[in-house]
């Protein structure tokens, strides 16, 4: 039967394994945040002890999956906002805004590098969502050219 984490152990795991968190990967500070008491050496020892317990390290995947899901939602939100913004820019015929938004979308799709190395020999593999977005951008460009 799997061991159940105490409240402090769960708080330690969240503090230690949450990507981008203030105490990510820092056992001593994660132990402090979790409510363990003592000087730095005591907190380091507590962190080491916690990290040897399999049922605590098993929480890593669940914690990091949640963090990645939140990050994905943030990316999705930004991309949706860019799509909405470009629709407004097209309606208002705001060419500088259209160009800037298209640039941001292209950067997300890694359509060009910052070095200016846009070799035709380099092939780009797009997933289905990226392909849809690239086609949408191409249609916008055609609309601009037709105006």
Foldseek 3Di string as FASTA:
>chain_A
DDDDDDQLLQQLLLQQQQPPHPCDVPQLVSSVRSPDDDDSVVSVVVSVVSVVRPSSVVCNVVNHVVNVVVVVVVVVVVLVVLVVQLVVCVVVVVVVSVVVSLVVLCVVQPCDDPVRPNDPVDDRDDDPVNVVVVVVNVVVVVVVVVD
